[in-house]
Amino acid sequence: MNVMTGDVIEVDVDGDAISALVLLATPEAVIVDPCDGSTPLVFRPEHLTAVRIFDGAAA
Protein backbone atom coordinates (compact mmCIF):
# COMPACT_ATOMS: atom_id res chain seq x y z
CA MET A 1 0.00 0.00 0.00
CA ASN A 2 1.43 3.38 -0.96
CA VAL A 3 -1.25 5.60 0.63
CA MET A 4 -0.09 7.43 3.74
CA THR A 5 -1.81 9.49 6.43
CA GLY A 6 -2.10 13.08 5.20
CA ASP A 7 -2.20 12.26 1.48
CA VAL A 8 -4.80 13.83 -0.77
CA ILE A 9 -6.18 11.12 -3.04
CA GLU A 10 -8.72 10.53 -5.74
CA VAL A 11 -10.60 7.25 -5.57
CA ASP A 12 -13.59 5.75 -7.34
CA VAL A 13 -16.66 5.24 -5.14
CA ASP A 14 -19.75 3.71 -6.75
CA GLY A 15 -18.51 4.74 -10.20
CA ASP A 16 -17.77 8.36 -9.24
CA ALA A 17 -14.30 9.80 -8.67
CA ILE A 18 -13.98 11.65 -5.35
CA SER A 19 -11.10 13.58 -3.84
CA ALA A 20 -10.40 12.96 -0.18
CA LEU A 21 -7.91 13.53 2.62
CA VAL A 22 -6.43 10.38 4.18
CA LEU A 23 -7.08 10.72 7.91
CA LEU A 24 -5.48 7.40 8.88
CA ALA A 25 -3.69 4.71 6.89
CA THR A 26 -2.81 1.41 8.55
CA PRO A 27 -2.29 -2.10 7.19
CA GLU A 28 -5.86 -2.92 8.35
CA ALA A 29 -7.84 0.14 7.20
CA VAL A 30 -7.66 3.47 5.41
CA ILE A 31 -10.00 6.22 6.61
CA VAL A 32 -10.60 9.10 4.20
CA ASP A 33 -12.58 12.33 4.51
CA PRO A 34 -14.10 13.71 1.29
CA CYS A 35 -14.24 17.14 3.03
CA ASP A 36 -17.79 17.70 1.80
CA GLY A 37 -19.63 17.39 5.09
CA SER A 38 -20.33 13.69 4.64
CA THR A 39 -19.19 10.89 6.93
CA PRO A 40 -15.58 9.71 6.44
CA LEU A 41 -15.19 6.51 4.43
CA VAL A 42 -13.32 3.39 5.52
CA PHE A 43 -11.58 1.13 3.03
CA ARG A 44 -9.52 -2.00 3.32
CA PRO A 45 -6.10 -1.22 1.79
CA GLU A 46 -6.42 -4.00 -0.80
CA HIS A 47 -9.54 -2.27 -2.19
CA LEU A 48 -7.57 0.90 -3.04
CA THR A 49 -5.93 -0.50 -6.15
CA ALA A 50 -7.04 2.36 -8.45
CA VAL A 51 -6.26 5.21 -6.06
CA ARG A 52 -4.52 8.30 -7.44
CA ILE A 53 -2.32 10.26 -5.02
CA PHE A 54 -2.00 14.03 -5.48
CA ASP A 55 1.62 15.11 -5.89
CA GLY A 56 1.95 18.82 -5.21
CA ALA A 57 5.48 18.87 -6.68
CA ALA A 58 4.15 17.71 -10.03
CA ALA A 59 1.32 20.28 -10.13
PDB file of N, CA and C in Angstrom:
ATOM      1  N   MET A   1       0.852  -1.182   0.000  1.00  0.00           N
ATOM      2  CA  MET A   1       0.000   0.000   0.000  1.00  0.00           C
ATOM      3  C   MET A   1       0.891   1.236   0.000  1.00  0.00           C
ATOM      4  N   ASN A   2       0.616   2.174  -0.888  1.00  0.00           N
ATOM      5  CA  ASN A   2       1.434   3.378  -0.956  1.00  0.00           C
ATOM      6  C   ASN A   2       0.708   4.627  -0.465  1.00  0.00           C
ATOM      7  N   VAL A   3      -0.493   4.476   0.072  1.00  0.00           N
ATOM      8  CA  VAL A   3      -1.254   5.601   0.626  1.00  0.00           C
ATOM      9  C   VAL A   3      -0.796   5.832   2.055  1.00  0.00           C
ATOM     10  N   MET A   4      -0.545   7.099   2.391  1.00  0.00           N
ATOM     11  CA  MET A   4      -0.089   7.432   3.740  1.00  0.00           C
ATOM     12  C   MET A   4      -1.007   8.468   4.375  1.00  0.00           C
ATOM     13  N   THR A   5      -1.046   8.485   5.693  1.00  0.00           N
ATOM     14  CA  THR A   5      -1.814   9.489   6.427  1.00  0.00           C
ATOM     15  C   THR A   5      -1.385  10.882   5.962  1.00  0.00           C
ATOM     16  N   GLY A   6      -2.370  11.722   5.655  1.00  0.00           N
ATOM     17  CA  GLY A   6      -2.102  13.080   5.203  1.00  0.00           C
ATOM     18  C   GLY A   6      -2.135  13.263   3.702  1.00  0.00           C
ATOM     19  N   ASP A   7      -2.125  12.169   2.943  1.00  0.00           N
ATOM     20  CA  ASP A   7      -2.196  12.255   1.483  1.00  0.00           C
ATOM     21  C   ASP A   7      -3.555  12.788   1.039  1.00  0.00           C
ATOM     22  N   VAL A   8      -3.566  13.465  -0.085  1.00  0.00           N
ATOM     23  CA  VAL A   8      -4.802  13.826  -0.771  1.00  0.00           C
ATOM     24  C   VAL A   8      -4.904  12.863  -1.946  1.00  0.00           C
ATOM     25  N   ILE A   9      -6.032  12.163  -2.029  1.00  0.00           N
ATOM     26  CA  ILE A   9      -6.177  11.123  -3.036  1.00  0.00           C
ATOM     27  C   ILE A   9      -7.442  11.330  -3.854  1.00  0.00           C
ATOM     28  N   GLU A  10      -7.495  10.644  -4.970  1.00  0.00           N
ATOM     29  CA  GLU A  10      -8.717  10.530  -5.743  1.00  0.00           C
ATOM     30  C   GLU A  10      -8.992   9.046  -5.874  1.00  0.00           C
ATOM     31  N   VAL A  11     -10.222   8.652  -5.564  1.00  0.00           N
ATOM     32  CA  VAL A  11     -10.596   7.246  -5.573  1.00  0.00           C
ATOM     33  C   VAL A  11     -11.998   7.125  -6.150  1.00  0.00           C
ATOM     34  N   ASP A  12     -12.264   5.998  -6.790  1.00  0.00           N
ATOM     35  CA  ASP A  12     -13.594   5.755  -7.344  1.00  0.00           C
ATOM     36  C   ASP A  12     -14.495   5.129  -6.291  1.00  0.00           C
ATOM     37  N   VAL A  13     -15.660   5.745  -6.087  1.00  0.00           N
ATOM     38  CA  VAL A  13     -16.658   5.240  -5.143  1.00  0.00           C
ATOM     39  C   VAL A  13     -17.981   5.146  -5.893  1.00  0.00           C
ATOM     40  N   ASP A  14     -18.483   3.952  -6.044  1.00  0.00           N
ATOM     41  CA  ASP A  14     -19.747   3.715  -6.752  1.00  0.00           C
ATOM     42  C   ASP A  14     -19.740   4.333  -8.145  1.00  0.00           C
ATOM     43  N   GLY A  15     -18.609   4.245  -8.835  1.00  0.00           N
ATOM     44  CA  GLY A  15     -18.511   4.742 -10.200  1.00  0.00           C
ATOM     45  C   GLY A  15     -18.181   6.214 -10.329  1.00  0.00           C
ATOM     46  N   ASP A  16     -18.113   6.935  -9.215  1.00  0.00           N
ATOM     47  CA  ASP A  16     -17.773   8.359  -9.239  1.00  0.00           C
ATOM     48  C   ASP A  16     -16.393   8.567  -8.630  1.00  0.00           C
ATOM     49  N   ALA A  17     -15.601   9.453  -9.224  1.00  0.00           N
ATOM     50  CA  ALA A  17     -14.297   9.804  -8.666  1.00  0.00           C
ATOM     51  C   ALA A  17     -14.495  10.872  -7.597  1.00  0.00           C
ATOM     52  N   ILE A  18     -13.919  10.643  -6.424  1.00  0.00           N
ATOM     53  CA  ILE A  18     -13.977  11.647  -5.354  1.00  0.00           C
ATOM     54  C   ILE A  18     -12.565  11.957  -4.886  1.00  0.00           C
ATOM     55  N   SER A  19     -12.356  13.185  -4.467  1.00  0.00           N
ATOM     56  CA  SER A  19     -11.100  13.582  -3.845  1.00  0.00           C
ATOM     57  C   SER A  19     -11.299  13.529  -2.344  1.00  0.00           C
ATOM     58  N   ALA A  20     -10.267  13.113  -1.625  1.00  0.00           N
ATOM     59  CA  ALA A  20     -10.399  12.963  -0.179  1.00  0.00           C
ATOM     60  C   ALA A  20      -9.044  13.089   0.501  1.00  0.00           C
ATOM     61  N   LEU A  21      -9.087  13.462   1.761  1.00  0.00           N
ATOM     62  CA  LEU A  21      -7.908  13.530   2.616  1.00  0.00           C
ATOM     63  C   LEU A  21      -7.810  12.236   3.404  1.00  0.00           C
ATOM     64  N   VAL A  22      -6.636  11.622   3.418  1.00  0.00           N
ATOM     65  CA  VAL A  22      -6.431  10.384   4.176  1.00  0.00           C
ATOM     66  C   VAL A  22      -6.208  10.765   5.637  1.00  0.00           C
ATOM     67  N   LEU A  23      -7.175  10.414   6.488  1.00  0.00           N
ATOM     68  CA  LEU A  23      -7.084  10.716   7.912  1.00  0.00           C
ATOM     69  C   LEU A  23      -6.199   9.720   8.644  1.00  0.00           C
ATOM     70  N   LEU A  24      -6.260   8.450   8.226  1.00  0.00           N
ATOM     71  CA  LEU A  24      -5.484   7.396   8.876  1.00  0.00           C
ATOM     72  C   LEU A  24      -5.252   6.277   7.877  1.00  0.00           C
ATOM     73  N   ALA A  25      -4.018   5.829   7.775  1.00  0.00           N
ATOM     74  CA  ALA A  25      -3.686   4.710   6.890  1.00  0.00           C
ATOM     75  C   ALA A  25      -2.891   3.693   7.686  1.00  0.00           C
ATOM     76  N   THR A  26      -3.472   2.512   7.857  1.00  0.00           N
ATOM     77  CA  THR A  26      -2.810   1.413   8.552  1.00  0.00           C
ATOM     78  C   THR A  26      -2.892   0.175   7.658  1.00  0.00           C
ATOM     79  N   PRO A  27      -2.183  -0.883   7.986  1.00  0.00           N
ATOM     80  CA  PRO A  27      -2.291  -2.104   7.190  1.00  0.00           C
ATOM     81  C   PRO A  27      -3.701  -2.709   7.220  1.00  0.00           C
ATOM     82  N   GLU A  28      -4.510  -2.360   8.216  1.00  0.00           N
ATOM     83  CA  GLU A  28      -5.857  -2.923   8.350  1.00  0.00           C
ATOM     84  C   GLU A  28      -6.941  -2.075   7.711  1.00  0.00           C
ATOM     85  N   ALA A  29      -6.784  -0.752   7.691  1.00  0.00           N
ATOM     86  CA  ALA A  29      -7.837   0.137   7.198  1.00  0.00           C
ATOM     87  C   ALA A  29      -7.265   1.482   6.771  1.00  0.00           C
ATOM     88  N   VAL A  30      -7.979   2.106   5.831  1.00  0.00           N
ATOM     89  CA  VAL A  30      -7.662   3.468   5.406  1.00  0.00           C
ATOM     90  C   VAL A  30      -8.940   4.278   5.579  1.00  0.00           C
ATOM     91  N   ILE A  31      -8.853   5.356   6.362  1.00  0.00           N
ATOM     92  CA  ILE A  31     -10.002   6.220   6.609  1.00  0.00           C
ATOM     93  C   ILE A  31      -9.769   7.528   5.859  1.00  0.00           C
ATOM     94  N   VAL A  32     -10.736   7.894   5.006  1.00  0.00           N
ATOM     95  CA  VAL A  32     -10.602   9.102   4.201  1.00  0.00           C
ATOM     96  C   VAL A  32     -11.791  10.022   4.438  1.00  0.00           C
ATOM     97  N   ASP A  33     -11.537  11.320   4.345  1.00  0.00           N
ATOM     98  CA  ASP A  33     -12.580  12.334   4.506  1.00  0.00           C
ATOM     99  C   ASP A  33     -12.725  13.078   3.185  1.00  0.00           C
ATOM    100  N   PRO A  34     -13.896  12.985   2.545  1.00  0.00           N
ATOM    101  CA  PRO A  34     -14.101  13.709   1.293  1.00  0.00           C
ATOM    102  C   PRO A  34     -14.196  15.230   1.473  1.00  0.00           C
ATOM    103  N   CYS A  35     -14.205  15.710   2.716  1.00  0.00           N
ATOM    104  CA  CYS A  35     -14.238  17.144   3.032  1.00  0.00           C
ATOM    105  C   CYS A  35     -15.446  17.839   2.404  1.00  0.00           C
ATOM    106  N   ASP A  36     -16.565  17.116   2.348  1.00  0.00           N
ATOM    107  CA  ASP A  36     -17.786  17.698   1.798  1.00  0.00           C
ATOM    108  C   ASP A  36     -18.934  17.674   2.801  1.00  0.00           C
ATOM    109  N   GLY A  37     -18.610  17.439   4.056  1.00  0.00           N
ATOM    110  CA  GLY A  37     -19.630  17.390   5.090  1.00  0.00           C
ATOM    111  C   GLY A  37     -20.203  16.004   5.308  1.00  0.00           C
ATOM    112  N   SER A  38     -19.831  15.046   4.477  1.00  0.00           N
ATOM    113  CA  SER A  38     -20.333  13.685   4.642  1.00  0.00           C
ATOM    114  C   SER A  38     -19.452  12.912   5.623  1.00  0.00           C
ATOM    115  N   THR A  39     -19.917  11.749   5.999  1.00  0.00           N
ATOM    116  CA  THR A  39     -19.193  10.892   6.932  1.00  0.00           C
ATOM    117  C   THR A  39     -17.921  10.359   6.266  1.00  0.00           C
ATOM    118  N   PRO A  40     -16.797  10.314   7.001  1.00  0.00           N
ATOM    119  CA  PRO A  40     -15.581   9.707   6.444  1.00  0.00           C
ATOM    120  C   PRO A  40     -15.836   8.270   5.993  1.00  0.00           C
ATOM    121  N   LEU A  41     -15.065   7.844   5.009  1.00  0.00           N
ATOM    122  CA  LEU A  41     -15.191   6.513   4.434  1.00  0.00           C
ATOM    123  C   LEU A  41     -14.048   5.628   4.911  1.00  0.00           C
ATOM    124  N   VAL A  42     -14.336   4.354   5.084  1.00  0.00           N
ATOM    125  CA  VAL A  42     -13.321   3.389   5.518  1.00  0.00           C
ATOM    126  C   VAL A  42     -13.150   2.346   4.420  1.00  0.00           C
ATOM    127  N   PHE A  43     -11.910   2.118   4.042  1.00  0.00           N
ATOM    128  CA  PHE A  43     -11.577   1.128   3.026  1.00  0.00           C
ATOM    129  C   PHE A  43     -10.572   0.140   3.582  1.00  0.00           C
ATOM    130  N   ARG A  44     -10.603  -1.060   3.079  1.00  0.00           N
ATOM    131  CA  ARG A  44      -9.519  -2.004   3.323  1.00  0.00           C
ATOM    132  C   ARG A  44      -8.440  -1.642   2.303  1.00  0.00           C
ATOM    133  N   PRO A  45      -7.172  -1.639   2.699  1.00  0.00           N
ATOM    134  CA  PRO A  45      -6.102  -1.216   1.790  1.00  0.00           C
ATOM    135  C   PRO A  45      -6.102  -1.961   0.454  1.00  0.00           C
ATOM    136  N   GLU A  46      -6.443  -3.244   0.457  1.00  0.00           N
ATOM    137  CA  GLU A  46      -6.424  -4.001  -0.796  1.00  0.00           C
ATOM    138  C   GLU A  46      -7.516  -3.560  -1.774  1.00  0.00           C
ATOM    139  N   HIS A  47      -8.489  -2.772  -1.314  1.00  0.00           N
ATOM    140  CA  HIS A  47      -9.536  -2.265  -2.190  1.00  0.00           C
ATOM    141  C   HIS A  47      -9.170  -0.929  -2.829  1.00  0.00           C
ATOM    142  N   LEU A  48      -8.018  -0.391  -2.484  1.00  0.00           N
ATOM    143  CA  LEU A  48      -7.575   0.896  -3.036  1.00  0.00           C
ATOM    144  C   LEU A  48      -6.559   0.683  -4.160  1.00  0.00           C
ATOM    145  N   THR A  49      -6.870  -0.197  -5.070  1.00  0.00           N
ATOM    146  CA  THR A  49      -5.933  -0.496  -6.149  1.00  0.00           C
ATOM    147  C   THR A  49      -5.894   0.601  -7.215  1.00  0.00           C
ATOM    148  N   ALA A  50      -6.985   1.327  -7.409  1.00  0.00           N
ATOM    149  CA  ALA A  50      -7.044   2.356  -8.448  1.00  0.00           C
ATOM    150  C   ALA A  50      -6.961   3.767  -7.860  1.00  0.00           C
ATOM    151  N   VAL A  51      -6.367   3.903  -6.699  1.00  0.00           N
ATOM    152  CA  VAL A  51      -6.263   5.212  -6.057  1.00  0.00           C
ATOM    153  C   VAL A  51      -5.197   6.065  -6.772  1.00  0.00           C
ATOM    154  N   ARG A  52      -5.475   7.349  -6.879  1.00  0.00           N
ATOM    155  CA  ARG A  52      -4.525   8.296  -7.438  1.00  0.00           C
ATOM    156  C   ARG A  52      -4.130   9.269  -6.336  1.00  0.00           C
ATOM    157  N   ILE A  53      -2.836   9.418  -6.099  1.00  0.00           N
ATOM    158  CA  ILE A  53      -2.324  10.262  -5.019  1.00  0.00           C
ATOM    159  C   ILE A  53      -1.892  11.600  -5.623  1.00  0.00           C
ATOM    160  N   PHE A  54      -2.380  12.700  -5.031  1.00  0.00           N
ATOM    161  CA  PHE A  54      -2.003  14.026  -5.481  1.00  0.00           C
ATOM    162  C   PHE A  54      -0.543  14.304  -5.123  1.00  0.00           C
ATOM    163  N   ASP A  55       0.215  14.760  -6.095  1.00  0.00           N
ATOM    164  CA  ASP A  55       1.619  15.111  -5.887  1.00  0.00           C
ATOM    165  C   ASP A  55       1.767  16.596  -6.148  1.00  0.00           C
ATOM    166  N   GLY A  56       1.853  17.370  -5.096  1.00  0.00           N
ATOM    167  CA  GLY A  56       1.949  18.816  -5.209  1.00  0.00           C
ATOM    168  C   GLY A  56       3.181  19.282  -5.997  1.00  0.00           C
ATOM    169  N   ALA A  57       4.261  18.505  -5.951  1.00  0.00           N
ATOM    170  CA  ALA A  57       5.478  18.875  -6.678  1.00  0.00           C
ATOM    171  C   ALA A  57       5.287  18.766  -8.184  1.00  0.00           C
ATOM    172  N   ALA A  58       4.383  17.893  -8.606  1.00  0.00           N
ATOM    173  CA  ALA A  58       4.154  17.709 -10.033  1.00  0.00           C
ATOM    174  C   ALA A  58       3.102  18.675 -10.590  1.00  0.00           C
ATOM    175  N   ALA A  59       2.404  19.384  -9.698  1.00  0.00           N
ATOM    176  CA  ALA A  59       1.319  20.279 -10.131  1.00  0.00           C
ATOM    177  C   ALA A  59       1.860  21.586 -10.673  1.00  0.00           C
TER     178      ALA A  59
END
